[in-house]
PDB file of N, CA and C in Angstrom:
ATOM      1  N   MET A   1      -3.233   5.774   1.761  1.00  0.00           N
ATOM      2  CA  MET A   1      -3.152   4.715   3.493  1.00  0.00           C
ATOM      3  C   MET A   1      -1.540   5.099   3.365  1.00  0.00           C
ATOM      4  N   LYS A   2      -1.421   5.345   4.618  1.00  0.00           N
ATOM      5  CA  LYS A   2       0.339   5.285   4.926  1.00  0.00           C
ATOM      6  C   LYS A   2       1.223   3.611   5.028  1.00  0.00           C
ATOM      7  N   SER A   3       0.129   2.799   5.299  1.00  0.00           N
ATOM      8  CA  SER A   3       0.672   1.448   5.684  1.00  0.00           C
ATOM      9  C   SER A   3       1.101   1.324   3.807  1.00  0.00           C
ATOM     10  N   PHE A   4       0.623   1.743   2.464  1.00  0.00           N
ATOM     11  CA  PHE A   4       0.616   1.470   1.357  1.00  0.00           C
ATOM     12  C   PHE A   4       1.935   1.833   0.383  1.00  0.00           C
ATOM     13  N   THR A   5       1.969   2.698   1.024  1.00  0.00           N
ATOM     14  CA  THR A   5       3.177   4.117   1.461  1.00  0.00           C
ATOM     15  C   THR A   5       4.664   2.792   1.112  1.00  0.00           C
ATOM     16  N   ALA A   6       3.814   3.133   3.175  1.00  0.00           N
ATOM     17  CA  ALA A   6       5.600   2.473   3.495  1.00  0.00           C
ATOM     18  C   ALA A   6       5.274   1.276   3.284  1.00  0.00           C
ATOM     19  N   PHE A   7       4.824  -0.016   2.502  1.00  0.00           N
ATOM     20  CA  PHE A   7       4.652  -1.197   1.892  1.00  0.00           C
ATOM     21  C   PHE A   7       5.979  -0.817   1.074  1.00  0.00           C
ATOM     22  N   CYS A   8       5.456   0.409   0.323  1.00  0.00           N
ATOM     23  CA  CYS A   8       6.267   0.066  -1.659  1.00  0.00           C
ATOM     24  C   CYS A   8       7.775   0.740  -1.010  1.00  0.00           C
ATOM     25  N   THR A   9       7.217   1.631   0.090  1.00  0.00           N
ATOM     26  CA  THR A   9       8.459   1.785   0.229  1.00  0.00           C
ATOM     27  C   THR A   9      10.075   1.245   0.485  1.00  0.00           C
ATOM     28  N   ALA A  10       9.820   0.130   0.940  1.00  0.00           N
ATOM     29  CA  ALA A  10      10.258  -0.895   1.775  1.00  0.00           C
ATOM     30  C   ALA A  10      10.666  -2.295   0.798  1.00  0.00           C
ATOM     31  N   MET A  11       9.418  -2.043   0.412  1.00  0.00           N
ATOM     32  CA  MET A  11       9.630  -3.550  -0.605  1.00  0.00           C
ATOM     33  C   MET A  11       9.560  -3.027  -2.577  1.00  0.00           C
ATOM     34  N   VAL A  12       8.981  -2.048  -2.930  1.00  0.00           N
ATOM     35  CA  VAL A  12       9.337  -1.866  -4.472  1.00  0.00           C
ATOM     36  C   VAL A  12      10.414  -0.899  -4.687  1.00  0.00           C
ATOM     37  N   TYR A  13      10.847  -1.477  -5.526  1.00  0.00           N
ATOM     38  CA  TYR A  13      11.971  -0.587  -6.438  1.00  0.00           C
ATOM     39  C   TYR A  13      11.456  -0.031  -8.090  1.00  0.00           C
ATOM     40  N   GLU A  14      12.391   0.557  -8.465  1.00  0.00           N
ATOM     41  CA  GLU A  14      12.497   0.485  -9.912  1.00  0.00           C
ATOM     42  C   GLU A  14      13.660   0.533 -10.224  1.00  0.00           C
ATOM     43  N   ASP A  15      13.663  -0.942 -11.941  1.00  0.00           N
ATOM     44  CA  ASP A  15      14.178  -1.478 -12.376  1.00  0.00           C
ATOM     45  C   ASP A  15      14.035  -1.783 -13.826  1.00  0.00           C
ATOM     46  N   GLU A  16      14.653  -1.323 -14.220  1.00  0.00           N
ATOM     47  CA  GLU A  16      14.491  -1.192 -15.969  1.00  0.00           C
ATOM     48  C   GLU A  16      14.269  -2.264 -16.319  1.00  0.00           C
ATOM     49  N   GLY A  17      15.178  -3.947 -16.217  1.00  0.00           N
ATOM     50  CA  GLY A  17      14.818  -4.780 -16.666  1.00  0.00           C
ATOM     51  C   GLY A  17      14.045  -5.887 -16.136  1.00  0.00           C
ATOM     52  N   LEU A  18      13.068  -5.117 -15.408  1.00  0.00           N
ATOM     53  CA  LEU A  18      12.606  -6.102 -14.611  1.00  0.00           C
ATOM     54  C   LEU A  18      11.124  -6.251 -14.547  1.00  0.00           C
ATOM     55  N   ASP A  19      10.220  -6.971 -14.139  1.00  0.00           N
ATOM     56  CA  ASP A  19       8.617  -6.773 -14.249  1.00  0.00           C
ATOM     57  C   ASP A  19       8.380  -7.190 -12.917  1.00  0.00           C
ATOM     58  N   VAL A  20       7.328  -7.096 -12.557  1.00  0.00           N
ATOM     59  CA  VAL A  20       6.718  -7.417 -11.395  1.00  0.00           C
ATOM     60  C   VAL A  20       5.214  -7.460 -11.619  1.00  0.00           C
ATOM     61  N   ARG A  21       4.219  -9.235 -11.230  1.00  0.00           N
ATOM     62  CA  ARG A  21       2.916  -9.229 -11.886  1.00  0.00           C
ATOM     63  C   ARG A  21       2.499  -8.801  -9.996  1.00  0.00           C
ATOM     64  N   ILE A  22       0.650  -8.229 -10.666  1.00  0.00           N
ATOM     65  CA  ILE A  22       0.406  -7.851  -9.190  1.00  0.00           C
ATOM     66  C   ILE A  22      -0.101  -8.827  -8.111  1.00  0.00           C
ATOM     67  N   LYS A  23       0.044 -10.144  -9.268  1.00  0.00           N
ATOM     68  CA  LYS A  23       0.397 -11.324  -7.900  1.00  0.00           C
ATOM     69  C   LYS A  23       0.697 -11.765  -6.727  1.00  0.00           C
ATOM     70  N   ASP A  24       2.507 -10.969  -7.625  1.00  0.00           N
ATOM     71  CA  ASP A  24       3.321 -11.123  -6.596  1.00  0.00           C
ATOM     72  C   ASP A  24       3.345  -9.624  -5.886  1.00  0.00           C
ATOM     73  N   LEU A  25       3.210  -8.634  -5.840  1.00  0.00           N
ATOM     74  CA  LEU A  25       2.631  -7.909  -5.107  1.00  0.00           C
ATOM     75  C   LEU A  25       1.856  -7.814  -4.436  1.00  0.00           C
ATOM     76  N   TRP A  26       0.393  -8.907  -4.446  1.00  0.00           N
ATOM     77  CA  TRP A  26      -0.712  -9.165  -3.192  1.00  0.00           C
ATOM     78  C   TRP A  26       0.189  -9.966  -2.296  1.00  0.00           C
ATOM     79  N   LYS A  27       0.495 -11.142  -2.794  1.00  0.00           N
ATOM     80  CA  LYS A  27       1.208 -11.965  -1.848  1.00  0.00           C
ATOM     81  C   LYS A  27       2.679 -11.462  -1.214  1.00  0.00           C
ATOM     82  N   ALA A  28       3.461 -10.387  -1.415  1.00  0.00           N
ATOM     83  CA  ALA A  28       4.257  -9.202  -1.183  1.00  0.00           C
ATOM     84  C   ALA A  28       3.994  -8.639   0.163  1.00  0.00           C
ATOM     85  N   TYR A  29       2.869  -8.020  -0.157  1.00  0.00           N
ATOM     86  CA  TYR A  29       1.862  -7.334   0.729  1.00  0.00           C
ATOM     87  C   TYR A  29       1.455  -8.104   2.008  1.00  0.00           C
ATOM     88  N   GLU A  30       0.210  -9.199   1.280  1.00  0.00           N
ATOM     89  CA  GLU A  30       0.312  -9.252   2.317  1.00  0.00           C
ATOM     90  C   GLU A  30       0.896 -10.338   3.890  1.00  0.00           C
ATOM     91  N   GLY A  31       2.513 -10.867   3.034  1.00  0.00           N
ATOM     92  CA  GLY A  31       3.430 -10.870   3.996  1.00  0.00           C
ATOM     93  C   GLY A  31       3.907  -9.715   5.147  1.00  0.00           C
ATOM     94  N   TRP A  32       4.284  -8.886   4.426  1.00  0.00           N
ATOM     95  CA  TRP A  32       4.966  -7.981   4.764  1.00  0.00           C
ATOM     96  C   TRP A  32       3.557  -7.029   5.767  1.00  0.00           C
ATOM     97  N   TRP A  33       1.938  -6.740   5.469  1.00  0.00           N
ATOM     98  CA  TRP A  33       1.483  -6.494   6.544  1.00  0.00           C
ATOM     99  C   TRP A  33       1.451  -7.410   7.674  1.00  0.00           C
ATOM    100  N   ASP A  34       1.059  -9.027   7.578  1.00  0.00           N
ATOM    101  CA  ASP A  34       1.395  -9.333   8.747  1.00  0.00           C
ATOM    102  C   ASP A  34       2.796  -9.871   9.533  1.00  0.00           C
ATOM    103  N   THR A  35       3.865  -9.526   9.185  1.00  0.00           N
ATOM    104  CA  THR A  35       4.895  -8.903  10.150  1.00  0.00           C
ATOM    105  C   THR A  35       5.229  -7.931  10.272  1.00  0.00           C
ATOM    106  N   VAL A  36       5.273  -7.091   9.422  1.00  0.00           N
ATOM    107  CA  VAL A  36       5.810  -5.475   9.590  1.00  0.00           C
ATOM    108  C   VAL A  36       4.423  -4.437   9.777  1.00  0.00           C
ATOM    109  N   GLY A  37       3.223  -4.186   8.949  1.00  0.00           N
ATOM    110  CA  GLY A  37       1.863  -3.331   9.026  1.00  0.00           C
ATOM    111  C   GLY A  37       1.332  -3.465  10.083  1.00  0.00           C
ATOM    112  N   VAL A  38       0.996  -4.434  10.428  1.00  0.00           N
ATOM    113  CA  VAL A  38       0.106  -4.637  11.444  1.00  0.00           C
ATOM    114  C   VAL A  38       0.837  -4.058  12.844  1.00  0.00           C
ATOM    115  N   VAL A  39       1.680  -4.408  13.437  1.00  0.00           N
ATOM    116  CA  VAL A  39       2.562  -3.682  13.942  1.00  0.00           C
ATOM    117  C   VAL A  39       2.859  -2.103  14.084  1.00  0.00           C
ATOM    118  N   ALA A  40       3.432  -1.407  12.761  1.00  0.00           N
ATOM    119  CA  ALA A  40       3.707  -0.390  12.975  1.00  0.00           C
ATOM    120  C   ALA A  40       2.374   0.674  12.555  1.00  0.00           C
ATOM    121  N   PHE A  41       0.986   0.047  12.022  1.00  0.00           N
ATOM    122  CA  PHE A  41       0.586   0.760  11.549  1.00  0.00           C
ATOM    123  C   PHE A  41      -1.093   0.406  12.673  1.00  0.00           C
ATOM    124  N   PRO A  42      -1.186   0.120  13.535  1.00  0.00           N
ATOM    125  CA  PRO A  42      -2.511  -0.557  14.438  1.00  0.00           C
ATOM    126  C   PRO A  42      -3.782   0.627  14.233  1.00  0.00           C
ATOM    127  N   LYS A  43      -3.187   1.752  13.783  1.00  0.00           N
ATOM    128  CA  LYS A  43      -4.963   1.993  13.194  1.00  0.00           C
ATOM    129  C   LYS A  43      -5.460   1.516  12.170  1.00  0.00           C
ATOM    130  N   GLU A  44      -4.680   0.944  10.803  1.00  0.00           N
ATOM    131  CA  GLU A  44      -5.367   0.668   9.402  1.00  0.00           C
ATOM    132  C   GLU A  44      -5.364  -0.617   9.616  1.00  0.00           C
ATOM    133  N   LYS A  45      -5.975  -0.586   8.427  1.00  0.00           N
ATOM    134  CA  LYS A  45      -6.298  -2.553   8.753  1.00  0.00           C
ATOM    135  C   LYS A  45      -5.223  -2.949   7.350  1.00  0.00           C
ATOM    136  N   LYS A  46      -5.925  -4.350   7.288  1.00  0.00           N
ATOM    137  CA  LYS A  46      -5.067  -4.660   5.481  1.00  0.00           C
ATOM    138  C   LYS A  46      -5.868  -4.540   4.628  1.00  0.00           C
ATOM    139  N   MET A  47      -5.282  -3.572   3.956  1.00  0.00           N
ATOM    140  CA  MET A  47      -6.140  -3.417   2.636  1.00  0.00           C
ATOM    141  C   MET A  47      -6.660  -4.658   1.827  1.00  0.00           C
ATOM    142  N   SER A  48      -8.334  -4.266   1.318  1.00  0.00           N
ATOM    143  CA  SER A  48      -8.090  -5.550   0.503  1.00  0.00           C
ATOM    144  C   SER A  48      -7.519  -5.713  -1.027  1.00  0.00           C
ATOM    145  N   LEU A  49      -8.005  -6.939  -1.609  1.00  0.00           N
ATOM    146  CA  LEU A  49      -6.807  -7.280  -2.781  1.00  0.00           C
ATOM    147  C   LEU A  49      -7.620  -5.816  -3.652  1.00  0.00           C
ATOM    148  N   PRO A  50      -9.306  -5.650  -4.231  1.00  0.00           N
ATOM    149  CA  PRO A  50      -9.412  -4.398  -5.008  1.00  0.00           C
ATOM    150  C   PRO A  50      -8.734  -2.968  -4.288  1.00  0.00           C
ATOM    151  N   ASP A  51      -8.540  -2.783  -2.800  1.00  0.00           N
ATOM    152  CA  ASP A  51      -8.088  -1.879  -2.688  1.00  0.00           C
ATOM    153  C   ASP A  51      -6.691  -1.589  -3.309  1.00  0.00           C
ATOM    154  N   PHE A  52      -6.333  -2.687  -2.661  1.00  0.00           N
ATOM    155  CA  PHE A  52      -4.624  -2.545  -2.952  1.00  0.00           C
ATOM    156  C   PHE A  52      -4.368  -2.240  -4.516  1.00  0.00           C
ATOM    157  N   THR A  53      -5.217  -2.904  -5.940  1.00  0.00           N
ATOM    158  CA  THR A  53      -4.542  -3.554  -7.236  1.00  0.00           C
ATOM    159  C   THR A  53      -5.289  -1.468  -7.200  1.00  0.00           C
ATOM    160  N   GLU A  54      -5.905  -1.241  -7.051  1.00  0.00           N
ATOM    161  CA  GLU A  54      -6.665   0.787  -7.152  1.00  0.00           C
ATOM    162  C   GLU A  54      -5.858   0.959  -6.821  1.00  0.00           C
ATOM    163  N   ALA A  55      -4.917   0.919  -5.960  1.00  0.00           N
ATOM    164  CA  ALA A  55      -3.792   2.288  -5.029  1.00  0.00           C
ATOM    165  C   ALA A  55      -2.807   1.273  -6.069  1.00  0.00           C
ATOM    166  N   LEU A  56      -2.315   0.792  -6.145  1.00  0.00           N
ATOM    167  CA  LEU A  56      -1.894   0.540  -7.121  1.00  0.00           C
ATOM    168  C   LEU A  56      -1.643   1.443  -8.579  1.00  0.00           C
ATOM    169  N   HIS A  57      -3.132   1.230  -9.152  1.00  0.00           N
ATOM    170  CA  HIS A  57      -3.035   1.830 -10.452  1.00  0.00           C
ATOM    171  C   HIS A  57      -2.935   3.559 -10.327  1.00  0.00           C
ATOM    172  N   ALA A  58      -3.026   3.912  -9.303  1.00  0.00           N
ATOM    173  CA  ALA A  58      -3.661   5.566  -8.845  1.00  0.00           C
ATOM    174  C   ALA A  58      -2.380   5.287  -9.367  1.00  0.00           C
ATOM    175  N   GLN A  59      -0.816   4.732  -8.785  1.00  0.00           N
ATOM    176  CA  GLN A  59       0.341   5.196  -8.276  1.00  0.00           C
ATOM    177  C   GLN A  59       1.240   4.476  -9.386  1.00  0.00           C
ATOM    178  N   PHE A  60       1.069   3.533 -10.230  1.00  0.00           N
ATOM    179  CA  PHE A  60       1.549   3.474 -11.313  1.00  0.00           C
ATOM    180  C   PHE A  60       1.186   3.801 -12.607  1.00  0.00           C
ATOM    181  N   GLY A  61      -0.767   3.432 -13.165  1.00  0.00           N
ATOM    182  CA  GLY A  61      -1.024   3.618 -14.073  1.00  0.00           C
ATOM    183  C   GLY A  61      -1.194   2.061 -14.737  1.00  0.00           C
ATOM    184  N   ALA A  62      -2.250   2.054 -15.506  1.00  0.00           N
ATOM    185  CA  ALA A  62      -2.398   0.503 -15.971  1.00  0.00           C
ATOM    186  C   ALA A  62      -1.201   0.037 -15.969  1.00  0.00           C
ATOM    187  N   PRO A  63      -1.131  -1.663 -15.548  1.00  0.00           N
ATOM    188  CA  PRO A  63      -0.558  -2.149 -15.806  1.00  0.00           C
ATOM    189  C   PRO A  63       0.150  -3.069 -17.190  1.00  0.00           C
ATOM    190  N   GLN A  64       1.053  -3.623 -17.572  1.00  0.00           N
ATOM    191  CA  GLN A  64       0.885  -3.975 -19.587  1.00  0.00           C
ATOM    192  C   GLN A  64       0.303  -5.265 -18.491  1.00  0.00           C
ATOM    193  N   ASN A  65      -0.631  -5.695 -20.243  1.00  0.00           N
ATOM    194  CA  ASN A  65      -1.421  -6.442 -19.797  1.00  0.00           C
ATOM    195  C   ASN A  65      -2.983  -6.432 -19.000  1.00  0.00           C
ATOM    196  N   GLY A  66      -2.628  -5.653 -18.593  1.00  0.00           N
ATOM    197  CA  GLY A  66      -3.509  -5.728 -17.335  1.00  0.00           C
ATOM    198  C   GLY A  66      -2.997  -6.600 -16.227  1.00  0.00           C
ATOM    199  N   LEU A  67      -1.521  -6.741 -15.892  1.00  0.00           N
ATOM    200  CA  LEU A  67      -1.356  -7.938 -15.018  1.00  0.00           C
ATOM    201  C   LEU A  67      -0.048  -7.681 -14.389  1.00  0.00           C
ATOM    202  N   THR A  68       1.096  -6.900 -15.444  1.00  0.00           N
ATOM    203  CA  THR A  68       2.659  -6.881 -15.205  1.00  0.00           C
ATOM    204  C   THR A  68       2.899  -5.458 -14.492  1.00  0.00           C
ATOM    205  N   TYR A  69       3.632  -5.002 -13.918  1.00  0.00           N
ATOM    206  CA  TYR A  69       3.979  -3.464 -13.784  1.00  0.00           C
ATOM    207  C   TYR A  69       5.392  -3.716 -14.524  1.00  0.00           C
ATOM    208  N   ARG A  70       6.149  -3.071 -15.504  1.00  0.00           N
ATOM    209  CA  ARG A  70       7.444  -3.449 -16.138  1.00  0.00           C
ATOM    210  C   ARG A  70       8.296  -2.432 -15.793  1.00  0.00           C
ATOM    211  N   GLY A  71       9.212  -2.663 -15.196  1.00  0.00           N
ATOM    212  CA  GLY A  71      10.175  -1.559 -14.537  1.00  0.00           C
ATOM    213  C   GLY A  71       9.934  -1.653 -12.997  1.00  0.00           C
ATOM    214  N   TRP A  72       9.519  -2.586 -12.490  1.00  0.00           N
ATOM    215  CA  TRP A  72       9.745  -2.380 -11.106  1.00  0.00           C
ATOM    216  C   TRP A  72       9.358  -3.659 -11.220  1.00  0.00           C
ATOM    217  N   ALA A  73      10.411  -4.263  -9.219  1.00  0.00           N
ATOM    218  CA  ALA A  73      10.279  -5.440  -8.533  1.00  0.00           C
ATOM    219  C   ALA A  73      10.422  -4.513  -7.061  1.00  0.00           C
ATOM    220  N   LEU A  74      10.145  -6.108  -7.000  1.00  0.00           N
ATOM    221  CA  LEU A  74       9.710  -6.562  -5.111  1.00  0.00           C
ATOM    222  C   LEU A  74      11.635  -7.024  -5.029  1.00  0.00           C
ATOM    223  N   ALA A  75      11.769  -6.368  -3.705  1.00  0.00           N
ATOM    224  CA  ALA A  75      13.134  -6.336  -2.394  1.00  0.00           C
ATOM    225  C   ALA A  75      12.201  -7.802  -1.891  1.00  0.00           C
ATOM    226  N   PRO A  76      12.964  -9.198  -1.337  1.00  0.00           N
ATOM    227  CA  PRO A  76      12.584 -10.196  -0.348  1.00  0.00           C
ATOM    228  C   PRO A  76      12.531  -9.695   1.053  1.00  0.00           C
ATOM    229  N   LEU A  77      11.550  -9.376   1.665  1.00  0.00           N
ATOM    230  CA  LEU A  77      11.411  -8.820   2.923  1.00  0.00           C
ATOM    231  C   LEU A  77      12.179  -8.910   4.071  1.00  0.00           C
ATOM    232  N   GLY A  78      12.812  -7.877   4.634  1.00  0.00           N
ATOM    233  CA  GLY A  78      13.557  -8.065   5.668  1.00  0.00           C
ATOM    234  C   GLY A  78      14.943  -7.133   5.021  1.00  0.00           C
ATOM    235  N   THR A  79      15.111  -6.640   3.688  1.00  0.00           N
ATOM    236  CA  THR A  79      15.672  -6.225   2.831  1.00  0.00           C
ATOM    237  C   THR A  79      15.299  -5.100   2.331  1.00  0.00           C
ATOM    238  N   GLN A  80      16.494  -4.246   2.234  1.00  0.00           N
ATOM    239  CA  GLN A  80      16.085  -2.524   1.527  1.00  0.00           C
ATOM    240  C   GLN A  80      16.965  -2.746   0.248  1.00  0.00           C
ATOM    241  N   PRO A  81      16.034  -2.231  -0.589  1.00  0.00           N
ATOM    242  CA  PRO A  81      16.159  -1.861  -2.098  1.00  0.00           C
ATOM    243  C   PRO A  81      17.558  -1.880  -2.641  1.00  0.00           C
ATOM    244  N   ASN A  82      17.936  -1.907  -3.297  1.00  0.00           N
ATOM    245  CA  ASN A  82      19.192  -1.048  -4.088  1.00  0.00           C
ATOM    246  C   ASN A  82      18.977   0.304  -4.486  1.00  0.00           C
ATOM    247  N   LYS A  83      17.540   0.285  -4.689  1.00  0.00           N
ATOM    248  CA  LYS A  83      17.644   1.774  -5.131  1.00  0.00           C
ATOM    249  C   LYS A  83      15.481   2.127  -5.112  1.00  0.00           C
ATOM    250  N   PRO A  84      15.781   2.074  -4.104  1.00  0.00           N
ATOM    251  CA  PRO A  84      13.947   2.503  -3.576  1.00  0.00           C
ATOM    252  C   PRO A  84      13.478   3.700  -3.748  1.00  0.00           C
ATOM    253  N   GLN A  85      12.905   3.757  -5.062  1.00  0.00           N
ATOM    254  CA  GLN A  85      11.899   4.849  -5.577  1.00  0.00           C
ATOM    255  C   GLN A  85      10.449   4.716  -5.850  1.00  0.00           C
ATOM    256  N   TRP A  86       9.636   5.217  -4.414  1.00  0.00           N
ATOM    257  CA  TRP A  86       8.449   4.962  -5.070  1.00  0.00           C
ATOM    258  C   TRP A  86       7.678   6.205  -5.347  1.00  0.00           C
ATOM    259  N   ARG A  87       7.451   6.755  -6.759  1.00  0.00           N
ATOM    260  CA  ARG A  87       7.092   7.824  -6.808  1.00  0.00           C
ATOM    261  C   ARG A  87       6.804   7.476  -8.387  1.00  0.00           C
ATOM    262  N   LYS A  88       5.713   8.174  -8.605  1.00  0.00           N
ATOM    263  CA  LYS A  88       5.603   8.042 -10.225  1.00  0.00           C
ATOM    264  C   LYS A  88       6.134   8.977 -11.169  1.00  0.00           C
ATOM    265  N   SER A  89       7.355   7.976 -11.902  1.00  0.00           N
ATOM    266  CA  SER A  89       8.040   9.287 -13.158  1.00  0.00           C
ATOM    267  C   SER A  89       7.128   9.396 -13.660  1.00  0.00           C
TER     268      SER A  89
END
């Protein structure tokens, strides 16, 4: 989905010293969708939590302890991350 890639480009960045939990990514996605995604991607529907989690796993692999992605962080909505790098290393 283009909206998933756009969310990650706008909101997720790589930072070796930080971690991000799946539930925090989901909350950020919901907020992003409601303010940006629904307007920017009118032909797409908001992802369900299972679809979102599957897309995360496909992009990042399995999270540490099943809940946390190490080395990634969230940017506050409306800002650009310092180091946007949405690609699997």
